[in-house]
């Protein structure tokens, strides 16, 4: 597998990761609320689900899921419901606890809970399978052994996804200081909560 193919796949995934969506919003929000190091657990969960969906696409199950409308819809609606639930929880919170953007700020944060939220939000995006099913063949050298190529692509997928999400988290930590103001904290909760609800509604109403 040539370096050009690997680089091309890395760039394609970076562009896809930087498009606004629930994963980016969750990383940004957790960075602002809990600080950089605790929120990395969120990014690990999101990135692992990217690996899972990438593997499913490589295994040829992407086409099966595409024709199984019931399975696709069930995953999509479950993911949409979870996003809406996160949004409502933020809207009802009345504000966010402002935490500094350092590792020490998250000592009392349950890392497992952040990881689980990352996994659940990542799992609620079955369209990733269709995306990877369409993208992976463009970067596969059919004349070479497939297994090493699959391992290389999945590794790049994890690294680039985690890197992009961590960039979003770091941006979130930059605004954490402003959340010390109760007024700013309340508006941050309202805006991000509304965005989560909107993202969930958009996912639920999507038919593609």
N, C-alpha and C. Protein backbone atom coordinates (compact mmCIF):
# COMPACT_ATOMS: atom_id res chain seq x y z
N UNK A 1 0.85 -1.19 0.00
CA UNK A 1 0.00 0.00 0.00
C UNK A 1 0.89 1.24 0.00
N UNK A 2 0.69 2.12 -0.95
CA UNK A 2 1.57 3.27 -1.11
C UNK A 2 1.32 4.34 -0.06
N UNK A 3 2.33 5.16 0.16
CA UNK A 3 2.22 6.26 1.10
C UNK A 3 1.15 7.25 0.63
N UNK A 4 1.03 7.41 -0.67
CA UNK A 4 0.04 8.35 -1.21
C UNK A 4 -1.38 7.92 -0.85
N UNK A 5 -1.65 6.60 -0.92
CA UNK A 5 -2.98 6.11 -0.56
C UNK A 5 -3.26 6.33 0.92
N UNK A 6 -2.27 6.05 1.76
CA UNK A 6 -2.44 6.24 3.20
C UNK A 6 -2.68 7.71 3.53
N UNK A 7 -1.90 8.58 2.89
CA UNK A 7 -2.06 10.01 3.13
C UNK A 7 -3.41 10.50 2.64
N UNK A 8 -3.84 9.99 1.48
CA UNK A 8 -5.13 10.37 0.93
C UNK A 8 -6.27 9.97 1.85
N UNK A 9 -6.19 8.77 2.41
CA UNK A 9 -7.23 8.31 3.33
C UNK A 9 -7.23 9.15 4.61
N UNK A 10 -6.03 9.47 5.12
CA UNK A 10 -5.94 10.29 6.33
C UNK A 10 -6.58 11.65 6.11
N UNK A 11 -6.30 12.27 4.98
CA UNK A 11 -6.86 13.58 4.68
C UNK A 11 -8.38 13.51 4.52
N UNK A 12 -8.86 12.45 3.87
CA UNK A 12 -10.31 12.29 3.68
C UNK A 12 -11.02 12.16 5.02
N UNK A 13 -10.42 11.39 5.93
CA UNK A 13 -11.07 11.21 7.23
C UNK A 13 -10.98 12.47 8.09
N UNK A 14 -9.89 13.20 7.98
CA UNK A 14 -9.75 14.45 8.73
C UNK A 14 -10.83 15.44 8.30
N UNK A 15 -11.04 15.54 7.00
CA UNK A 15 -12.07 16.44 6.48
C UNK A 15 -13.45 16.02 7.00
N UNK A 16 -13.72 14.71 6.96
CA UNK A 16 -15.01 14.21 7.45
C UNK A 16 -15.18 14.49 8.94
N UNK A 17 -14.12 14.33 9.72
CA UNK A 17 -14.20 14.54 11.16
C UNK A 17 -14.43 16.00 11.52
N UNK A 18 -13.91 16.90 10.71
CA UNK A 18 -14.01 18.32 11.01
C UNK A 18 -15.34 18.92 10.58
N UNK A 19 -16.18 18.13 9.91
CA UNK A 19 -17.51 18.61 9.57
C UNK A 19 -18.36 18.64 10.85
N UNK A 20 -19.12 19.71 11.07
CA UNK A 20 -19.92 19.81 12.29
C UNK A 20 -20.87 18.63 12.43
N UNK A 21 -20.95 18.09 13.64
CA UNK A 21 -21.83 16.96 13.90
C UNK A 21 -21.88 16.66 15.38
N UNK A 22 -22.65 15.64 15.78
CA UNK A 22 -22.79 15.30 17.21
C UNK A 22 -21.46 14.97 17.89
N UNK A 23 -20.56 14.27 17.19
CA UNK A 23 -19.28 13.89 17.80
C UNK A 23 -18.47 15.13 18.13
N UNK A 24 -18.38 16.06 17.18
CA UNK A 24 -17.64 17.29 17.42
C UNK A 24 -18.27 18.09 18.56
N UNK A 25 -19.59 18.16 18.58
CA UNK A 25 -20.30 18.92 19.61
C UNK A 25 -20.06 18.31 20.99
N UNK A 26 -20.09 16.98 21.08
CA UNK A 26 -19.87 16.32 22.37
C UNK A 26 -18.46 16.56 22.87
N UNK A 27 -17.47 16.46 21.99
CA UNK A 27 -16.08 16.69 22.38
C UNK A 27 -15.88 18.13 22.84
N UNK A 28 -16.45 19.06 22.11
CA UNK A 28 -16.34 20.47 22.47
C UNK A 28 -16.98 20.75 23.83
N UNK A 29 -18.19 20.21 24.03
CA UNK A 29 -18.92 20.44 25.27
C UNK A 29 -18.20 19.82 26.47
N UNK A 30 -17.72 18.59 26.31
CA UNK A 30 -17.02 17.94 27.41
C UNK A 30 -15.70 18.62 27.72
N UNK A 31 -15.05 19.16 26.69
CA UNK A 31 -13.82 19.91 26.93
C UNK A 31 -14.09 21.14 27.78
N UNK A 32 -15.18 21.83 27.49
CA UNK A 32 -15.53 23.03 28.24
C UNK A 32 -15.97 22.70 29.66
N UNK A 33 -16.66 21.59 29.84
CA UNK A 33 -17.22 21.25 31.15
C UNK A 33 -16.22 20.56 32.07
N UNK A 34 -15.40 19.67 31.51
CA UNK A 34 -14.58 18.81 32.36
C UNK A 34 -13.08 18.99 32.21
N UNK A 35 -12.64 19.74 31.20
CA UNK A 35 -11.22 19.88 30.98
C UNK A 35 -10.69 18.89 29.96
N UNK A 36 -9.47 19.11 29.52
CA UNK A 36 -8.91 18.34 28.41
C UNK A 36 -8.74 16.86 28.73
N UNK A 37 -8.01 16.54 29.80
CA UNK A 37 -7.68 15.14 30.07
C UNK A 37 -8.90 14.26 30.34
N UNK A 38 -9.84 14.68 31.20
CA UNK A 38 -11.02 13.84 31.39
C UNK A 38 -11.81 13.63 30.11
N UNK A 39 -11.91 14.69 29.29
CA UNK A 39 -12.71 14.60 28.07
C UNK A 39 -12.06 13.72 27.01
N UNK A 40 -10.79 13.38 27.19
CA UNK A 40 -10.14 12.47 26.25
C UNK A 40 -10.83 11.10 26.26
N UNK A 41 -11.42 10.75 27.40
CA UNK A 41 -12.15 9.49 27.48
C UNK A 41 -13.34 9.50 26.52
N UNK A 42 -13.97 10.65 26.38
CA UNK A 42 -15.07 10.80 25.42
C UNK A 42 -14.57 10.53 24.01
N UNK A 43 -13.42 11.10 23.69
CA UNK A 43 -12.86 10.96 22.35
C UNK A 43 -12.45 9.52 22.05
N UNK A 44 -11.97 8.83 23.08
CA UNK A 44 -11.62 7.41 22.89
C UNK A 44 -12.87 6.62 22.54
N UNK A 45 -13.97 6.88 23.26
CA UNK A 45 -15.22 6.18 22.97
C UNK A 45 -15.72 6.46 21.57
N UNK A 46 -15.70 7.72 21.16
CA UNK A 46 -16.13 8.09 19.81
C UNK A 46 -15.23 7.45 18.75
N UNK A 47 -13.93 7.46 18.99
CA UNK A 47 -12.97 6.91 18.02
C UNK A 47 -13.09 5.40 17.91
N UNK A 48 -13.34 4.74 19.04
CA UNK A 48 -13.51 3.28 19.00
C UNK A 48 -14.73 2.89 18.18
N UNK A 49 -15.81 3.67 18.28
CA UNK A 49 -16.99 3.38 17.48
C UNK A 49 -16.72 3.61 16.00
N UNK A 50 -15.86 4.57 15.69
CA UNK A 50 -15.45 4.76 14.30
C UNK A 50 -14.72 3.52 13.79
N UNK A 51 -13.88 2.93 14.66
CA UNK A 51 -13.18 1.70 14.29
C UNK A 51 -14.17 0.56 14.08
N UNK A 52 -15.15 0.45 14.97
CA UNK A 52 -16.16 -0.61 14.85
C UNK A 52 -16.91 -0.48 13.54
N UNK A 53 -17.38 0.71 13.22
CA UNK A 53 -18.13 0.90 11.98
C UNK A 53 -17.22 0.73 10.76
N UNK A 54 -15.95 1.13 10.91
CA UNK A 54 -15.01 0.91 9.81
C UNK A 54 -14.79 -0.58 9.57
N UNK A 55 -14.68 -1.34 10.64
CA UNK A 55 -14.51 -2.79 10.52
C UNK A 55 -15.74 -3.44 9.88
N UNK A 56 -16.91 -2.99 10.32
CA UNK A 56 -18.16 -3.52 9.76
C UNK A 56 -18.22 -3.26 8.26
N UNK A 57 -17.81 -2.05 7.85
CA UNK A 57 -17.80 -1.72 6.43
C UNK A 57 -16.82 -2.60 5.67
N UNK A 58 -15.64 -2.81 6.24
CA UNK A 58 -14.64 -3.66 5.58
C UNK A 58 -15.09 -5.10 5.49
N UNK A 59 -15.84 -5.54 6.48
CA UNK A 59 -16.30 -6.93 6.50
C UNK A 59 -17.43 -7.17 5.51
N UNK A 60 -17.85 -6.12 4.84
CA UNK A 60 -18.90 -6.27 3.84
C UNK A 60 -20.30 -6.20 4.41
N UNK A 61 -20.40 -5.84 5.71
CA UNK A 61 -21.72 -5.77 6.31
C UNK A 61 -22.41 -4.44 6.04
N UNK A 62 -21.65 -3.49 5.48
CA UNK A 62 -22.24 -2.21 5.17
C UNK A 62 -23.37 -2.34 4.18
N UNK A 63 -23.15 -3.17 3.16
CA UNK A 63 -24.20 -3.37 2.16
C UNK A 63 -25.41 -4.07 2.77
N UNK A 64 -25.15 -5.03 3.68
CA UNK A 64 -26.25 -5.73 4.35
C UNK A 64 -27.08 -4.77 5.18
N UNK A 65 -26.41 -3.88 5.92
CA UNK A 65 -27.12 -2.93 6.74
C UNK A 65 -27.89 -1.93 5.88
N UNK A 66 -27.32 -1.61 4.71
CA UNK A 66 -27.97 -0.65 3.83
C UNK A 66 -29.31 -1.17 3.33
N UNK A 67 -29.41 -2.51 3.11
CA UNK A 67 -30.66 -3.07 2.61
C UNK A 67 -31.60 -3.46 3.76
N UNK A 68 -31.06 -3.48 4.97
CA UNK A 68 -31.89 -3.81 6.12
C UNK A 68 -32.39 -2.50 6.73
N UNK A 69 -33.45 -1.99 6.19
CA UNK A 69 -33.97 -0.69 6.62
C UNK A 69 -34.39 -0.69 8.08
N UNK A 70 -34.91 -1.80 8.56
CA UNK A 70 -35.37 -1.87 9.94
C UNK A 70 -34.21 -1.71 10.91
N UNK A 71 -33.09 -2.42 10.64
CA UNK A 71 -31.92 -2.33 11.51
C UNK A 71 -31.34 -0.92 11.49
N UNK A 72 -31.19 -0.39 10.29
CA UNK A 72 -30.64 0.95 10.13
C UNK A 72 -31.49 1.97 10.88
N UNK A 73 -32.80 1.89 10.70
CA UNK A 73 -33.71 2.84 11.34
C UNK A 73 -33.68 2.73 12.86
N UNK A 74 -33.59 1.49 13.36
CA UNK A 74 -33.56 1.28 14.80
C UNK A 74 -32.32 1.92 15.42
N UNK A 75 -31.17 1.74 14.79
CA UNK A 75 -29.93 2.33 15.30
C UNK A 75 -30.01 3.85 15.22
N UNK A 76 -30.52 4.34 14.10
CA UNK A 76 -30.61 5.78 13.90
C UNK A 76 -31.53 6.43 14.93
N UNK A 77 -32.69 5.83 15.16
CA UNK A 77 -33.65 6.39 16.11
C UNK A 77 -33.14 6.32 17.54
N UNK A 78 -32.44 5.23 17.87
CA UNK A 78 -31.86 5.12 19.21
C UNK A 78 -30.82 6.20 19.43
N UNK A 79 -29.98 6.42 18.42
CA UNK A 79 -28.98 7.48 18.52
C UNK A 79 -29.61 8.84 18.62
N UNK A 80 -30.68 9.07 17.86
CA UNK A 80 -31.38 10.36 17.89
C UNK A 80 -31.99 10.59 19.28
N UNK A 81 -32.59 9.56 19.85
CA UNK A 81 -33.20 9.69 21.17
C UNK A 81 -32.16 10.02 22.23
N UNK A 82 -31.00 9.41 22.13
CA UNK A 82 -29.95 9.68 23.10
C UNK A 82 -29.45 11.12 23.00
N UNK A 83 -29.30 11.64 21.78
CA UNK A 83 -28.88 13.03 21.60
C UNK A 83 -29.91 13.99 22.17
N UNK A 84 -31.19 13.70 21.92
CA UNK A 84 -32.25 14.55 22.46
C UNK A 84 -32.23 14.51 23.99
N UNK A 85 -32.01 13.33 24.55
CA UNK A 85 -31.95 13.20 26.02
C UNK A 85 -30.80 14.02 26.58
N UNK A 86 -29.63 13.97 25.94
CA UNK A 86 -28.50 14.78 26.39
C UNK A 86 -28.85 16.26 26.33
N UNK A 87 -29.52 16.66 25.23
CA UNK A 87 -29.89 18.06 25.07
C UNK A 87 -30.86 18.52 26.14
N UNK A 88 -31.87 17.72 26.41
CA UNK A 88 -32.87 18.08 27.43
C UNK A 88 -32.21 18.15 28.81
N UNK A 89 -31.29 17.25 29.07
CA UNK A 89 -30.57 17.26 30.35
C UNK A 89 -29.81 18.57 30.52
N UNK A 90 -29.18 19.05 29.45
CA UNK A 90 -28.46 20.31 29.52
C UNK A 90 -29.42 21.49 29.68
N UNK A 91 -30.51 21.46 28.95
CA UNK A 91 -31.49 22.54 29.01
C UNK A 91 -32.10 22.66 30.41
N UNK A 92 -32.26 21.56 31.07
CA UNK A 92 -32.89 21.56 32.40
C UNK A 92 -31.88 21.79 33.52
N UNK A 93 -30.59 21.80 33.17
CA UNK A 93 -29.57 21.91 34.21
C UNK A 93 -29.52 23.29 34.83
N UNK A 94 -29.92 24.32 34.08
CA UNK A 94 -29.86 25.68 34.60
C UNK A 94 -28.47 26.26 34.59
N UNK A 95 -27.52 25.54 34.00
CA UNK A 95 -26.14 26.03 33.93
C UNK A 95 -25.17 24.88 34.08
N UNK A 96 -23.92 25.14 33.73
CA UNK A 96 -22.89 24.11 33.80
C UNK A 96 -21.87 24.47 34.87
N UNK A 97 -21.36 23.45 35.50
CA UNK A 97 -20.29 23.69 36.47
C UNK A 97 -19.02 23.99 35.71
N UNK A 98 -18.47 25.19 35.95
CA UNK A 98 -17.25 25.60 35.24
C UNK A 98 -16.04 24.92 35.85
N UNK A 99 -15.29 24.27 34.99
CA UNK A 99 -14.08 23.58 35.45
C UNK A 99 -12.90 24.05 34.63
N UNK A 100 -11.76 24.19 35.26
CA UNK A 100 -10.57 24.61 34.53
C UNK A 100 -10.17 23.55 33.54
N UNK A 101 -9.49 23.98 32.47
CA UNK A 101 -9.13 23.04 31.41
C UNK A 101 -7.84 22.31 31.67
N UNK A 102 -7.66 21.76 32.84
CA UNK A 102 -6.45 21.01 33.16
C UNK A 102 -6.82 19.62 33.61
N UNK A 103 -5.81 18.75 33.67
CA UNK A 103 -6.06 17.37 34.09
C UNK A 103 -6.56 17.32 35.52
N UNK A 104 -6.03 18.17 36.36
CA UNK A 104 -6.41 18.13 37.77
C UNK A 104 -7.86 18.52 37.99
N UNK A 105 -8.42 19.28 37.03
CA UNK A 105 -9.80 19.73 37.20
C UNK A 105 -10.79 18.59 37.11
N UNK A 106 -10.36 17.47 36.56
CA UNK A 106 -11.30 16.39 36.34
C UNK A 106 -11.12 15.20 37.27
N UNK A 107 -10.48 15.43 38.43
CA UNK A 107 -10.21 14.32 39.34
C UNK A 107 -11.49 13.63 39.78
N UNK A 108 -12.55 14.41 39.96
CA UNK A 108 -13.79 13.85 40.46
C UNK A 108 -14.76 13.46 39.36
N UNK A 109 -14.32 13.60 38.12
CA UNK A 109 -15.17 13.24 36.99
C UNK A 109 -15.09 11.74 36.77
N UNK A 110 -16.22 11.13 36.53
CA UNK A 110 -16.24 9.69 36.25
C UNK A 110 -15.85 9.46 34.79
N UNK A 111 -14.60 9.02 34.61
CA UNK A 111 -14.07 8.84 33.26
C UNK A 111 -14.90 7.82 32.49
N UNK A 112 -15.35 6.78 33.21
CA UNK A 112 -16.16 5.75 32.55
C UNK A 112 -17.44 6.31 31.98
N UNK A 113 -18.02 7.29 32.67
CA UNK A 113 -19.27 7.89 32.18
C UNK A 113 -19.03 8.68 30.91
N UNK A 114 -17.91 9.41 30.85
CA UNK A 114 -17.58 10.17 29.65
C UNK A 114 -17.29 9.23 28.48
N UNK A 115 -16.57 8.14 28.77
CA UNK A 115 -16.28 7.16 27.74
C UNK A 115 -17.58 6.55 27.21
N UNK A 116 -18.49 6.22 28.12
CA UNK A 116 -19.75 5.61 27.71
C UNK A 116 -20.58 6.56 26.85
N UNK A 117 -20.59 7.83 27.19
CA UNK A 117 -21.32 8.80 26.37
C UNK A 117 -20.72 8.89 24.98
N UNK A 118 -19.38 8.84 24.90
CA UNK A 118 -18.74 8.85 23.60
C UNK A 118 -19.12 7.65 22.76
N UNK A 119 -19.15 6.48 23.39
CA UNK A 119 -19.53 5.26 22.67
C UNK A 119 -20.97 5.34 22.18
N UNK A 120 -21.87 5.80 23.05
CA UNK A 120 -23.29 5.85 22.68
C UNK A 120 -23.56 6.85 21.56
N UNK A 121 -22.93 8.02 21.63
CA UNK A 121 -23.12 9.00 20.56
C UNK A 121 -22.51 8.47 19.26
N UNK A 122 -21.33 7.85 19.35
CA UNK A 122 -20.72 7.28 18.15
C UNK A 122 -21.54 6.15 17.57
N UNK A 123 -22.14 5.33 18.44
CA UNK A 123 -22.95 4.21 17.96
C UNK A 123 -24.23 4.67 17.31
N UNK A 124 -24.67 5.87 17.64
CA UNK A 124 -25.93 6.37 17.08
C UNK A 124 -25.80 6.95 15.70
N UNK A 125 -24.69 6.70 15.04
CA UNK A 125 -24.48 7.22 13.69
C UNK A 125 -24.19 6.10 12.70
N UNK A 126 -25.21 5.30 12.35
CA UNK A 126 -24.98 4.19 11.42
C UNK A 126 -24.61 4.64 10.01
N UNK A 127 -24.81 5.92 9.70
CA UNK A 127 -24.43 6.41 8.37
C UNK A 127 -22.92 6.30 8.16
N UNK A 128 -22.17 6.19 9.27
CA UNK A 128 -20.72 6.03 9.15
C UNK A 128 -20.38 4.77 8.36
N UNK A 129 -21.21 3.72 8.51
CA UNK A 129 -20.95 2.49 7.77
C UNK A 129 -21.06 2.73 6.27
N UNK A 130 -22.11 3.45 5.87
CA UNK A 130 -22.28 3.75 4.45
C UNK A 130 -21.12 4.60 3.94
N UNK A 131 -20.67 5.55 4.78
CA UNK A 131 -19.56 6.41 4.39
C UNK A 131 -18.29 5.59 4.19
N UNK A 132 -17.97 4.74 5.16
CA UNK A 132 -16.74 3.94 5.06
C UNK A 132 -16.84 2.91 3.94
N UNK A 133 -18.04 2.38 3.71
CA UNK A 133 -18.22 1.42 2.62
C UNK A 133 -17.90 2.08 1.29
N UNK A 134 -18.24 3.35 1.16
CA UNK A 134 -17.97 4.07 -0.08
C UNK A 134 -16.52 4.53 -0.18
N UNK A 135 -15.91 4.86 0.97
CA UNK A 135 -14.57 5.45 0.96
C UNK A 135 -13.45 4.42 0.91
N UNK A 136 -13.56 3.36 1.71
CA UNK A 136 -12.47 2.40 1.82
C UNK A 136 -12.00 1.83 0.48
N UNK A 137 -12.90 1.43 -0.44
CA UNK A 137 -12.43 0.85 -1.70
C UNK A 137 -11.55 1.79 -2.52
N UNK A 138 -11.70 3.09 -2.30
CA UNK A 138 -10.91 4.05 -3.06
C UNK A 138 -9.43 4.01 -2.67
N UNK A 139 -9.14 3.44 -1.50
CA UNK A 139 -7.77 3.47 -0.99
C UNK A 139 -7.19 2.07 -0.79
N UNK A 140 -7.82 1.07 -1.38
CA UNK A 140 -7.35 -0.30 -1.28
C UNK A 140 -6.61 -0.69 -2.56
N UNK A 141 -5.43 -1.26 -2.39
CA UNK A 141 -4.67 -1.79 -3.52
C UNK A 141 -5.02 -3.26 -3.67
N UNK A 142 -5.85 -3.59 -4.66
CA UNK A 142 -6.33 -4.96 -4.82
C UNK A 142 -5.23 -5.93 -5.21
N UNK A 143 -4.10 -5.40 -5.64
CA UNK A 143 -3.00 -6.27 -6.03
C UNK A 143 -2.10 -6.65 -4.87
N UNK A 144 -2.38 -6.15 -3.69
CA UNK A 144 -1.56 -6.45 -2.52
C UNK A 144 -2.39 -7.16 -1.46
N UNK A 145 -1.71 -7.70 -0.45
CA UNK A 145 -2.40 -8.39 0.64
C UNK A 145 -3.38 -7.43 1.33
N UNK A 146 -4.59 -7.92 1.59
CA UNK A 146 -5.63 -7.04 2.11
C UNK A 146 -5.52 -6.79 3.61
N UNK A 147 -5.18 -7.82 4.40
CA UNK A 147 -5.17 -7.69 5.85
C UNK A 147 -4.26 -6.56 6.33
N UNK A 148 -3.01 -6.48 5.85
CA UNK A 148 -2.16 -5.37 6.30
C UNK A 148 -2.74 -4.01 5.93
N UNK A 149 -3.41 -3.94 4.79
CA UNK A 149 -4.02 -2.68 4.38
C UNK A 149 -5.18 -2.31 5.31
N UNK A 150 -5.98 -3.31 5.65
CA UNK A 150 -7.10 -3.06 6.57
C UNK A 150 -6.59 -2.56 7.92
N UNK A 151 -5.54 -3.20 8.43
CA UNK A 151 -4.98 -2.79 9.72
C UNK A 151 -4.46 -1.36 9.64
N UNK A 152 -3.78 -1.05 8.54
CA UNK A 152 -3.23 0.30 8.37
C UNK A 152 -4.33 1.34 8.30
N UNK A 153 -5.38 1.06 7.54
CA UNK A 153 -6.47 2.02 7.39
C UNK A 153 -7.23 2.22 8.70
N UNK A 154 -7.48 1.14 9.43
CA UNK A 154 -8.19 1.26 10.69
C UNK A 154 -7.34 2.02 11.73
N UNK A 155 -6.03 1.81 11.69
CA UNK A 155 -5.15 2.54 12.59
C UNK A 155 -5.18 4.03 12.29
N UNK A 156 -5.10 4.36 11.00
CA UNK A 156 -5.17 5.77 10.59
C UNK A 156 -6.52 6.35 10.95
N UNK A 157 -7.57 5.55 10.79
CA UNK A 157 -8.91 6.00 11.12
C UNK A 157 -9.01 6.40 12.59
N UNK A 158 -8.46 5.57 13.46
CA UNK A 158 -8.52 5.87 14.89
C UNK A 158 -7.68 7.10 15.22
N UNK A 159 -6.46 7.15 14.71
CA UNK A 159 -5.55 8.25 15.05
C UNK A 159 -6.09 9.59 14.57
N UNK A 160 -6.56 9.64 13.32
CA UNK A 160 -7.05 10.91 12.79
C UNK A 160 -8.36 11.33 13.45
N UNK A 161 -9.23 10.37 13.73
CA UNK A 161 -10.49 10.70 14.41
C UNK A 161 -10.22 11.23 15.81
N UNK A 162 -9.37 10.52 16.55
CA UNK A 162 -9.04 10.94 17.91
C UNK A 162 -8.35 12.30 17.90
N UNK A 163 -7.45 12.51 16.94
CA UNK A 163 -6.73 13.79 16.86
C UNK A 163 -7.66 14.96 16.58
N UNK A 164 -8.57 14.78 15.63
CA UNK A 164 -9.51 15.86 15.29
C UNK A 164 -10.45 16.16 16.46
N UNK A 165 -10.93 15.12 17.12
CA UNK A 165 -11.83 15.33 18.25
C UNK A 165 -11.11 15.99 19.42
N UNK A 166 -9.85 15.63 19.61
CA UNK A 166 -9.08 16.25 20.68
C UNK A 166 -8.85 17.73 20.40
N UNK A 167 -8.71 18.08 19.13
CA UNK A 167 -8.62 19.49 18.77
C UNK A 167 -9.89 20.24 19.16
N UNK A 168 -11.03 19.60 18.93
CA UNK A 168 -12.31 20.20 19.33
C UNK A 168 -12.38 20.33 20.85
N UNK A 169 -11.89 19.30 21.56
CA UNK A 169 -11.89 19.34 23.02
C UNK A 169 -11.02 20.49 23.52
N UNK A 170 -9.85 20.65 22.91
CA UNK A 170 -8.95 21.73 23.31
C UNK A 170 -9.60 23.09 23.10
N UNK A 171 -10.34 23.23 22.02
CA UNK A 171 -11.07 24.48 21.78
C UNK A 171 -12.11 24.70 22.87
N UNK A 172 -12.74 23.61 23.31
CA UNK A 172 -13.73 23.73 24.38
C UNK A 172 -13.10 24.19 25.69
N UNK A 173 -11.89 23.72 25.98
CA UNK A 173 -11.24 24.12 27.23
C UNK A 173 -10.92 25.61 27.25
N UNK A 174 -10.81 26.20 26.07
CA UNK A 174 -10.49 27.63 26.00
C UNK A 174 -11.63 28.50 26.53
N UNK A 175 -12.84 27.96 26.47
CA UNK A 175 -13.98 28.76 26.94
C UNK A 175 -14.40 28.36 28.35
N UNK A 176 -13.70 27.40 28.94
CA UNK A 176 -14.11 26.92 30.26
C UNK A 176 -14.03 28.02 31.31
N UNK A 177 -13.04 28.91 31.17
CA UNK A 177 -12.91 29.99 32.13
C UNK A 177 -14.12 30.92 32.13
N UNK A 178 -14.67 31.15 30.95
CA UNK A 178 -15.84 32.03 30.85
C UNK A 178 -17.06 31.42 31.53
N UNK A 179 -17.07 30.09 31.68
CA UNK A 179 -18.22 29.43 32.28
C UNK A 179 -18.30 29.65 33.79
N UNK A 180 -17.28 30.32 34.34
CA UNK A 180 -17.35 30.64 35.76
C UNK A 180 -18.46 31.65 36.02
N UNK A 181 -18.81 32.40 34.99
CA UNK A 181 -19.93 33.32 35.10
C UNK A 181 -21.23 32.53 35.00
N UNK A 182 -22.11 32.70 35.99
CA UNK A 182 -23.36 31.93 35.99
C UNK A 182 -24.20 32.24 34.76
N UNK A 183 -24.17 33.50 34.30
CA UNK A 183 -24.96 33.88 33.14
C UNK A 183 -24.44 33.19 31.88
N UNK A 184 -23.12 33.23 31.70
CA UNK A 184 -22.51 32.56 30.54
C UNK A 184 -22.75 31.06 30.62
N UNK A 185 -22.63 30.51 31.83
CA UNK A 185 -22.84 29.08 32.02
C UNK A 185 -24.25 28.66 31.62
N UNK A 186 -25.22 29.47 32.01
CA UNK A 186 -26.61 29.15 31.66
C UNK A 186 -26.84 29.21 30.15
N UNK A 187 -26.27 30.23 29.51
CA UNK A 187 -26.45 30.34 28.07
C UNK A 187 -25.70 29.24 27.31
N UNK A 188 -24.55 28.85 27.84
CA UNK A 188 -23.81 27.75 27.22
C UNK A 188 -24.63 26.47 27.28
N UNK A 189 -25.26 26.23 28.43
CA UNK A 189 -26.10 25.04 28.59
C UNK A 189 -27.28 25.09 27.64
N UNK A 190 -27.88 26.28 27.49
CA UNK A 190 -29.04 26.41 26.61
C UNK A 190 -28.67 26.19 25.15
N UNK A 191 -27.57 26.81 24.74
CA UNK A 191 -27.16 26.71 23.33
C UNK A 191 -26.75 25.28 22.99
N UNK A 192 -25.86 24.69 23.81
CA UNK A 192 -25.41 23.33 23.51
C UNK A 192 -26.55 22.33 23.66
N UNK A 193 -27.41 22.54 24.65
CA UNK A 193 -28.58 21.66 24.79
C UNK A 193 -29.47 21.74 23.58
N UNK A 194 -29.71 22.96 23.09
CA UNK A 194 -30.53 23.12 21.89
C UNK A 194 -29.90 22.47 20.67
N UNK A 195 -28.57 22.56 20.58
CA UNK A 195 -27.88 21.95 19.45
C UNK A 195 -27.99 20.42 19.49
N UNK A 196 -27.88 19.85 20.69
CA UNK A 196 -28.02 18.40 20.83
C UNK A 196 -29.44 17.95 20.43
N UNK A 197 -30.43 18.70 20.91
CA UNK A 197 -31.81 18.36 20.55
C UNK A 197 -32.01 18.49 19.05
N UNK A 198 -31.47 19.54 18.45
CA UNK A 198 -31.59 19.74 17.01
C UNK A 198 -30.91 18.62 16.22
N UNK A 199 -29.72 18.24 16.70
CA UNK A 199 -28.99 17.15 16.03
C UNK A 199 -29.77 15.84 16.12
N UNK A 200 -30.35 15.59 17.28
CA UNK A 200 -31.15 14.38 17.44
C UNK A 200 -32.38 14.39 16.55
N UNK A 201 -33.05 15.54 16.49
CA UNK A 201 -34.23 15.64 15.64
C UNK A 201 -33.88 15.47 14.17
N UNK A 202 -32.76 16.09 13.77
CA UNK A 202 -32.33 15.96 12.37
C UNK A 202 -32.00 14.52 12.03
N UNK A 203 -31.36 13.81 12.96
CA UNK A 203 -31.02 12.41 12.72
C UNK A 203 -32.29 11.56 12.65
N UNK A 204 -33.25 11.84 13.52
CA UNK A 204 -34.49 11.07 13.53
C UNK A 204 -35.30 11.28 12.26
N UNK A 205 -35.26 12.51 11.73
CA UNK A 205 -36.06 12.83 10.55
C UNK A 205 -35.34 12.49 9.25
N UNK A 206 -34.06 12.16 9.36
CA UNK A 206 -33.31 11.82 8.16
C UNK A 206 -33.78 10.48 7.61
N UNK A 207 -33.93 10.42 6.31
CA UNK A 207 -34.40 9.19 5.67
C UNK A 207 -33.34 8.52 4.84
N UNK A 208 -32.14 9.10 4.83
CA UNK A 208 -31.06 8.54 4.01
C UNK A 208 -29.99 7.94 4.90
